[in-house]
C-alpha atoms as a PDB file:
ATOM      1  CA  GLN A   1     124.475 128.599  65.895  1.00  0.00           C
ATOM      2  CA  ARG A   2     126.464 127.714  69.024  1.00  0.00           C
ATOM      3  CA  VAL A   3     123.655 128.944  71.292  1.00  0.00           C
ATOM      4  CA  LEU A   4     121.097 127.091  69.187  1.00  0.00           C
ATOM      5  CA  ARG A   5     123.080 123.851  69.476  1.00  0.00           C
ATOM      6  CA  GLN A   6     123.284 124.300  73.268  1.00  0.00           C
ATOM      7  CA  LEU A   7     119.535 124.930  73.458  1.00  0.00           C
ATOM      8  CA  LEU A   8     118.779 121.860  71.372  1.00  0.00           C
ATOM      9  CA  TRP A   9     121.116 119.755  73.494  1.00  0.00           C
ATOM     10  CA  GLY A  10     119.484 121.070  76.678  1.00  0.00           C
ATOM     11  CA  LEU A  11     116.019 120.360  75.285  1.00  0.00           C
ATOM     12  CA  GLY A  12     116.995 116.787  74.455  1.00  0.00           C
ATOM     13  CA  TRP A  13     118.367 116.303  77.960  1.00  0.00           C
ATOM     14  CA  MET A  14     115.153 117.662  79.497  1.00  0.00           C
ATOM     15  CA  GLN A  15     113.031 115.379  77.323  1.00  0.00           C
ATOM     16  CA  ALA A  16     115.106 112.373  78.379  1.00  0.00           C
ATOM     17  CA  LEU A  17     114.767 113.394  82.030  1.00  0.00           C
ATOM     18  CA  LEU A  18     110.983 113.748  81.726  1.00  0.00           C
ATOM     19  CA  ARG A  19     110.705 110.357  80.034  1.00  0.00           C
ATOM     20  CA  ARG A  20     112.786 108.768  82.789  1.00  0.00           C
ATOM     21  CA  ARG A  21     110.666 110.381  85.511  1.00  0.00           C
ATOM     22  CA  ARG A  22     107.482 109.298  83.749  1.00  0.00           C
ATOM     23  CA  ALA A  23     108.799 105.743  83.548  1.00  0.00           C
ATOM     24  CA  MET A  24     109.679 105.827  87.247  1.00  0.00           C
ATOM     25  CA  ARG A  25     106.220 107.129  88.041  1.00  0.00           C
ATOM     26  CA  ASP A  26     104.567 104.374  85.994  1.00  0.00           C
ATOM     27  CA  HIS A  27     106.733 101.815  87.764  1.00  0.00           C
ATOM     28  CA  GLN A  28     105.671 103.176  91.181  1.00  0.00           C
ATOM     29  CA  VAL A  29     102.013 103.020  90.180  1.00  0.00           C
ATOM     30  CA  LEU A  30     102.429  99.403  89.082  1.00  0.00           C
ATOM     31  CA  ASP A  31     104.152  98.571  92.368  1.00  0.00           C
ATOM     32  CA  ARG A  32     101.239 100.071  94.304  1.00  0.00           C
ATOM     33  CA  ALA A  33      98.749  98.145  92.174  1.00  0.00           C
ATOM     34  CA  ALA A  34     100.639  94.901  92.842  1.00  0.00           C
ATOM     35  CA  VAL A  35     100.466  95.516  96.609  1.00  0.00           C
ATOM     36  CA  ALA A  36      96.712  96.154  96.403  1.00  0.00           C
ATOM     37  CA  LEU A  37      96.126  93.014  94.336  1.00  0.00           C
ATOM     38  CA  GLN A  38      98.144  90.951  96.795  1.00  0.00           C
ATOM     39  CA  ALA A  39      95.973  92.277  99.633  1.00  0.00           C
ATOM     40  CA  LEU A  40      92.859  91.368  97.645  1.00  0.00           C
ATOM     41  CA  GLN A  41      94.172  87.830  97.221  1.00  0.00           C
ATOM     42  CA  ALA A  42      94.781  87.600 100.976  1.00  0.00           C
ATOM     43  CA  ALA A  43      91.185  88.688 101.625  1.00  0.00           C
ATOM     44  CA  HIS A  44      89.746  86.015  99.320  1.00  0.00           C
ATOM     45  CA  GLN A  45      91.760  83.201 100.901  1.00  0.00           C
ATOM     46  CA  HIS A  46      89.595  83.248 104.034  1.00  0.00           C
ATOM     47  CA  GLU A  47      85.882  82.727 104.544  1.00  0.00           C
ATOM     48  CA  THR A  48      85.221  84.690 107.744  1.00  0.00           C
ATOM     49  CA  VAL A  49      85.481  88.464 108.040  1.00  0.00           C
ATOM     50  CA  ASP A  50      87.916  88.477 110.966  1.00  0.00           C
ATOM     51  CA  GLU A  51      90.277  85.967 109.347  1.00  0.00           C
ATOM     52  CA  ALA A  52      90.273  87.913 106.081  1.00  0.00           C
ATOM     53  CA  ALA A  53      90.818  91.230 107.872  1.00  0.00           C
ATOM     54  CA  LEU A  54      93.778  89.860 109.845  1.00  0.00           C
ATOM     55  CA  ALA A  55      95.321  88.373 106.700  1.00  0.00           C
ATOM     56  CA  VAL A  56      95.008  91.701 104.852  1.00  0.00           C
ATOM     57  CA  VAL A  57      96.537  93.861 107.594  1.00  0.00           C
ATOM     58  CA  ASN A  58      99.425  91.440 108.149  1.00  0.00           C
ATOM     59  CA  ASP A  59     100.101  91.303 104.406  1.00  0.00           C
ATOM     60  CA  LEU A  60     100.071  95.091 104.055  1.00  0.00           C
ATOM     61  CA  ALA A  61     102.265  95.629 107.116  1.00  0.00           C
ATOM     62  CA  THR A  62     104.892  93.357 105.575  1.00  0.00           C
ATOM     63  CA  SER A  63     104.600  94.586 101.975  1.00  0.00           C
ATOM     64  CA  LEU A  64     104.640  98.288 102.828  1.00  0.00           C
ATOM     65  CA  ARG A  65     107.075  98.052 105.758  1.00  0.00           C
ATOM     66  CA  VAL A  66     104.812 100.074 108.024  1.00  0.00           C
ATOM     67  CA  ASP A  67     104.647  99.733 111.783  1.00  0.00           C
ATOM     68  CA  ARG A  68     100.954  98.988 112.107  1.00  0.00           C
ATOM     69  CA  VAL A  69      97.938  98.410 109.851  1.00  0.00           C
ATOM     70  CA  SER A  70      94.391  98.337 111.195  1.00  0.00           C
ATOM     71  CA  LEU A  71      91.077  97.582 109.524  1.00  0.00           C
ATOM     72  CA  GLY A  72      87.563  98.476 110.593  1.00  0.00           C
ATOM     73  CA  LEU A  73      84.121  97.842 109.098  1.00  0.00           C
ATOM     74  CA  LEU A  74      80.884  99.792 109.366  1.00  0.00           C
ATOM     75  CA  VAL A  75      78.218  98.403 111.677  1.00  0.00           C
ATOM     76  CA  ARG A  76      75.005 100.444 111.797  1.00  0.00           C
ATOM     77  CA  GLY A  77      76.849 103.563 110.711  1.00  0.00           C
ATOM     78  CA  ASP A  78      79.809 103.256 113.108  1.00  0.00           C
ATOM     79  CA  VAL A  79      83.264 101.866 112.366  1.00  0.00           C
ATOM     80  CA  ARG A  80      84.111  98.772 114.411  1.00  0.00           C
ATOM     81  CA  LEU A  81      87.748  97.737 114.638  1.00  0.00           C
ATOM     82  CA  ARG A  82      88.137  94.188 113.279  1.00  0.00           C
ATOM     83  CA  ALA A  83      91.885  93.587 112.925  1.00  0.00           C
ATOM     84  CA  ILE A  84      95.303  94.983 113.879  1.00  0.00           C
ATOM     85  CA  SER A  85      98.459  93.684 112.206  1.00  0.00           C
ATOM     86  CA  ARG A  86     100.509  91.177 114.172  1.00  0.00           C
ATOM     87  CA  SER A  87      97.846  91.090 116.899  1.00  0.00           C
ATOM     88  CA  ALA A  88      95.678  88.036 117.353  1.00  0.00           C
ATOM     89  CA  TRP A  89      93.796  89.813 120.149  1.00  0.00           C
ATOM     90  CA  PHE A  90      93.085  93.469 120.936  1.00  0.00           C
ATOM     91  CA  GLU A  91      90.793  95.530 123.137  1.00  0.00           C
ATOM     92  CA  ARG A  92      88.354  97.567 121.027  1.00  0.00           C
ATOM     93  CA  LYS A  93      87.362  99.851 123.891  1.00  0.00           C
ATOM     94  CA  SER A  94      90.925 100.742 124.862  1.00  0.00           C
ATOM     95  CA  ASP A  95      92.206 104.260 124.250  1.00  0.00           C
ATOM     96  CA  LEU A  96      94.182 103.040 121.244  1.00  0.00           C
ATOM     97  CA  GLY A  97      91.201 101.142 119.845  1.00  0.00           C
ATOM     98  CA  GLN A  98      88.968 104.207 120.141  1.00  0.00           C
ATOM     99  CA  SER A  99      91.621 106.388 118.497  1.00  0.00           C
ATOM    100  CA  LEU A 100      91.907 103.952 115.592  1.00  0.00           C
ATOM    101  CA  GLU A 101      88.141 103.875 115.095  1.00  0.00           C
ATOM    102  CA  ASN A 102      87.988 107.690 115.215  1.00  0.00           C
ATOM    103  CA  ALA A 103      90.712 107.923 112.556  1.00  0.00           C
ATOM    104  CA  MET A 104      88.840 105.475 110.347  1.00  0.00           C
ATOM    105  CA  GLU A 105      85.548 107.313 110.797  1.00  0.00           C
ATOM    106  CA  GLU A 106      87.282 110.539 109.781  1.00  0.00           C
ATOM    107  CA  ALA A 107      88.124 108.904 106.450  1.00  0.00           C
ATOM    108  CA  THR A 108      84.705 107.276 105.972  1.00  0.00           C
ATOM    109  CA  ASP A 109      82.866 110.525 106.762  1.00  0.00           C
ATOM    110  CA  GLN A 110      84.863 112.379 104.088  1.00  0.00           C
ATOM    111  CA  GLU A 111      84.936 109.362 101.741  1.00  0.00           C
ATOM    112  CA  ALA A 112      88.558 110.181 100.988  1.00  0.00           C
ATOM    113  CA  CYS A 113      92.091 109.224 101.948  1.00  0.00           C
ATOM    114  CA  VAL A 114      93.304 111.335 104.897  1.00  0.00           C
ATOM    115  CA  ILE A 115      96.990 111.774 105.789  1.00  0.00           C
ATOM    116  CA  HIS A 116      98.733 113.357 108.764  1.00  0.00           C
ATOM    117  CA  PRO A 117     100.858 115.380 108.264  1.00  0.00           C
ATOM    118  CA  GLN A 118      98.899 116.550 105.224  1.00  0.00           C
ATOM    119  CA  VAL A 119     100.493 116.228 101.787  1.00  0.00           C
ATOM    120  CA  PRO A 120      99.646 119.151  99.463  1.00  0.00           C
ATOM    121  CA  SER A 121     100.282 117.077  96.336  1.00  0.00           C
ATOM    122  CA  ALA A 122      97.810 114.387  97.499  1.00  0.00           C
ATOM    123  CA  GLY A 123      94.784 116.549  96.643  1.00  0.00           C
ATOM    124  CA  GLN A 124      92.599 119.020  98.471  1.00  0.00           C
ATOM    125  CA  ALA A 125      93.033 119.584 102.194  1.00  0.00           C
ATOM    126  CA  ARG A 126      91.088 117.225 104.465  1.00  0.00           C
ATOM    127  CA  VAL A 127      90.061 117.321 108.071  1.00  0.00           C
ATOM    128  CA  CYS A 128      92.670 115.211 109.858  1.00  0.00           C
ATOM    129  CA  VAL A 129      92.109 115.926 113.542  1.00  0.00           C
ATOM    130  CA  ALA A 130      91.593 112.250 114.421  1.00  0.00           C
ATOM    131  CA  GLN A 131      94.686 111.237 112.433  1.00  0.00           C
ATOM    132  CA  ARG A 132      96.748 113.737 114.408  1.00  0.00           C
ATOM    133  CA  ASP A 133      95.302 112.519 117.717  1.00  0.00           C
ATOM    134  CA  LEU A 134      96.114 108.917 116.800  1.00  0.00           C
ATOM    135  CA  ALA A 135      99.663 109.899 115.846  1.00  0.00           C
ATOM    136  CA  ILE A 136     100.148 111.589 119.233  1.00  0.00           C
ATOM    137  CA  ARG A 137      98.681 108.676 121.195  1.00  0.00           C
ATOM    138  CA  ALA A 138     100.559 105.978 119.245  1.00  0.00           C
ATOM    139  CA  GLY A 139     103.822 107.895 118.876  1.00  0.00           C
ATOM    140  CA  ALA A 140     103.584 107.708 115.088  1.00  0.00           C
ATOM    141  CA  ALA A 141     105.321 110.135 112.751  1.00  0.00           C
ATOM    142  CA  SER A 142     102.618 109.754 110.100  1.00  0.00           C
ATOM    143  CA  VAL A 143      99.119 108.254 109.819  1.00  0.00           C
ATOM    144  CA  LEU A 144      97.065 107.416 106.715  1.00  0.00           C
ATOM    145  CA  SER A 145      93.427 106.324 106.701  1.00  0.00           C
ATOM    146  CA  ALA A 146      91.520 105.330 103.564  1.00  0.00           C
ATOM    147  CA  PRO A 147      87.851 104.341 103.180  1.00  0.00           C
ATOM    148  CA  LEU A 148      86.864 100.959 101.762  1.00  0.00           C
ATOM    149  CA  PHE A 149      84.179 101.208  99.099  1.00  0.00           C
ATOM    150  CA  GLY A 150      81.618  98.551  98.322  1.00  0.00           C
ATOM    151  CA  HIS A 151      79.162  98.784  95.457  1.00  0.00           C
ATOM    152  CA  GLY A 152      78.108 102.393  95.804  1.00  0.00           C
ATOM    153  CA  SER A 153      78.758 102.929  99.512  1.00  0.00           C
ATOM    154  CA  VAL A 154      81.508 102.960 102.124  1.00  0.00           C
ATOM    155  CA  VAL A 155      81.856  99.690 104.062  1.00  0.00           C
ATOM    156  CA  GLY A 156      84.857 100.426 106.269  1.00  0.00           C
ATOM    157  CA  ALA A 157      88.349 101.872 106.406  1.00  0.00           C
ATOM    158  CA  ILE A 158      91.990 100.944 106.757  1.00  0.00           C
ATOM    159  CA  THR A 159      94.633 102.839 108.757  1.00  0.00           C
ATOM    160  CA  LEU A 160      98.402 102.726 108.298  1.00  0.00           C
ATOM    161  CA  GLU A 161     100.974 104.056 110.791  1.00  0.00           C
ATOM    162  CA  ARG A 162     104.665 104.853 110.428  1.00  0.00           C
ATOM    163  CA  HIS A 163     106.910 105.665 113.371  1.00  0.00           C
ATOM    164  CA  GLU A 164     109.589 107.006 111.029  1.00  0.00           C
ATOM    165  CA  GLY A 165     109.077 108.819 107.746  1.00  0.00           C
ATOM    166  CA  THR A 166     105.843 110.193 106.332  1.00  0.00           C
ATOM    167  CA  PHE A 167     103.228 109.071 103.844  1.00  0.00           C
ATOM    168  CA  ASP A 168     103.183 110.809 100.471  1.00  0.00           C
ATOM    169  CA  ALA A 169     100.969 111.228  97.400  1.00  0.00           C
ATOM    170  CA  ASP A 170     101.891 107.747  96.134  1.00  0.00           C
ATOM    171  CA  ASP A 171     100.698 106.283  99.422  1.00  0.00           C
ATOM    172  CA  ALA A 172      97.434 108.203  99.002  1.00  0.00           C
ATOM    173  CA  LEU A 173      97.117 106.582  95.576  1.00  0.00           C
ATOM    174  CA  LEU A 174      97.639 103.182  97.181  1.00  0.00           C
ATOM    175  CA  GLY A 175      94.957 103.964  99.752  1.00  0.00           C
ATOM    176  CA  GLY A 176      92.509 104.665  96.943  1.00  0.00           C
ATOM    177  CA  LEU A 177      93.440 101.438  95.166  1.00  0.00           C
ATOM    178  CA  LEU A 178      92.980  99.420  98.354  1.00  0.00           C
ATOM    179  CA  GLY A 179      89.610 100.993  98.988  1.00  0.00           C
ATOM    180  CA  GLU A 180      88.347 100.149  95.513  1.00  0.00           C
ATOM    181  CA  LEU A 181      89.774  96.620  95.390  1.00  0.00           C
ATOM    182  CA  ILE A 182      89.282  95.059  98.812  1.00  0.00           C
ATOM    183  CA  GLY A 183      86.138  97.001  99.733  1.00  0.00           C
ATOM    184  CA  PRO A 184      83.776  94.813  97.643  1.00  0.00           C
ATOM    185  CA  ALA A 185      85.376  91.651  99.073  1.00  0.00           C
ATOM    186  CA  PHE A 186      84.600  92.706 102.635  1.00  0.00           C
ATOM    187  CA  GLU A 187      81.156  93.926 101.627  1.00  0.00           C
ATOM    188  CA  ALA A 188      80.340  90.412 100.377  1.00  0.00           C
ATOM    189  CA  GLN A 189      81.761  88.780 103.506  1.00  0.00           C
ATOM    190  CA  LEU A 190      79.815  91.161 105.744  1.00  0.00           C
ATOM    191  CA  ARG A 191      76.610  90.318 103.885  1.00  0.00           C
ATOM    192  CA  LEU A 192      77.287  86.608 104.377  1.00  0.00           C
ATOM    193  CA  GLU A 193      78.096  87.123 108.065  1.00  0.00           C
ATOM    194  CA  ARG A 194      74.829  89.016 108.605  1.00  0.00           C
ATOM    195  CA  TRP A 195      72.918  86.327 106.744  1.00  0.00           C
ATOM    196  CA  PHE A 196      74.283  83.594 109.010  1.00  0.00           C
ATOM    197  CA  ALA A 197      73.622  85.767 112.085  1.00  0.00           C
ATOM    198  CA  GLY A 198      70.032  86.233 110.914  1.00  0.00           C
ATOM    199  CA  ARG A 199      69.628  82.492 110.418  1.00  0.00           C
ATOM    200  CA  ALA A 200      70.928  81.896 113.945  1.00  0.00           C
ATOM    201  CA  GLN A 201      68.436  84.386 115.397  1.00  0.00           C
ATOM    202  CA  VAL A 202      65.557  82.698 113.583  1.00  0.00           C
ATOM    203  CA  LYS A 203      66.613  79.269 114.875  1.00  0.00           C
ATOM    204  CA  LEU A 204      66.903  80.549 118.454  1.00  0.00           C
ATOM    205  CA  ARG A 205      63.500  82.195 118.223  1.00  0.00           C
ATOM    206  CA  THR A 206      61.951  78.991 116.895  1.00  0.00           C
ATOM    207  CA  ALA A 207      63.493  76.944 119.709  1.00  0.00           C
ATOM    208  CA  TYR A 208      62.232  79.443 122.262  1.00  0.00           C
ATOM    209  CA  ASP A 209      58.705  79.338 120.826  1.00  0.00           C
ATOM    210  CA  ARG A 210      58.723  75.551 120.987  1.00  0.00           C
ATOM    211  CA  LEU A 211      59.699  75.632 124.655  1.00  0.00           C
ATOM    212  CA  VAL A 212      57.272  78.281 125.919  1.00  0.00           C
ATOM    213  CA  GLY A 213      54.513  78.345 123.286  1.00  0.00           C
ATOM    214  CA  PRO A 214      51.209  76.421 123.428  1.00  0.00           C
ATOM    215  CA  ARG A 215      52.267  73.966 120.713  1.00  0.00           C
ATOM    216  CA  TRP A 216      55.033  71.332 120.366  1.00  0.00           C
ATOM    217  CA  PRO A 217      54.380  69.250 123.545  1.00  0.00           C
ATOM    218  CA  ALA A 218      56.969  66.678 122.428  1.00  0.00           C
ATOM    219  CA  ALA A 219      59.703  69.343 122.421  1.00  0.00           C
ATOM    220  CA  LYS A 220      58.695  70.381 125.943  1.00  0.00           C
END
């Protein structure tokens, strides 16, 4: 009877511990969801792609207390760097810019969140050569890149860097949430940007035809 009472007491303690850990886990998931929703709100507060991208990376850098957040979007199959947190201007073709784009492309090619150093609990192993190279070049202790998904396709990626500490499975979960939430917002803004660019090309072509073509003598 004494042993049975001790076993029952131990079982009750273990159940309480599991409930507490489950509650903590749920709380962490909700915190990650709140961060992702806040980033989505930042994206929708701006009309142009570059303004929205800068707002998102600055918001995430502050909310997550990471050293740098970068965002890139796909242009004809290649990732183009569009924003770096706390940087109003950057050089895309610099060594750092190329390393960031390579890290993002590594995530978009695999359509999955990629972390360096790899986290076994975050899912199956991924190729993370570009993440490692970025970490070495930037002096970061850990790098995380996550793809941004539009409606059925990848539209870009986001990269987070920490100079101290490493990213974990919860951060991988956040990367997935960000990809699903803010991806469609940037997909819509990209479509609008391309539409305006197409309109501009048509107008320039029309003006050119009026100047050099056989018609429109008044314009000449």
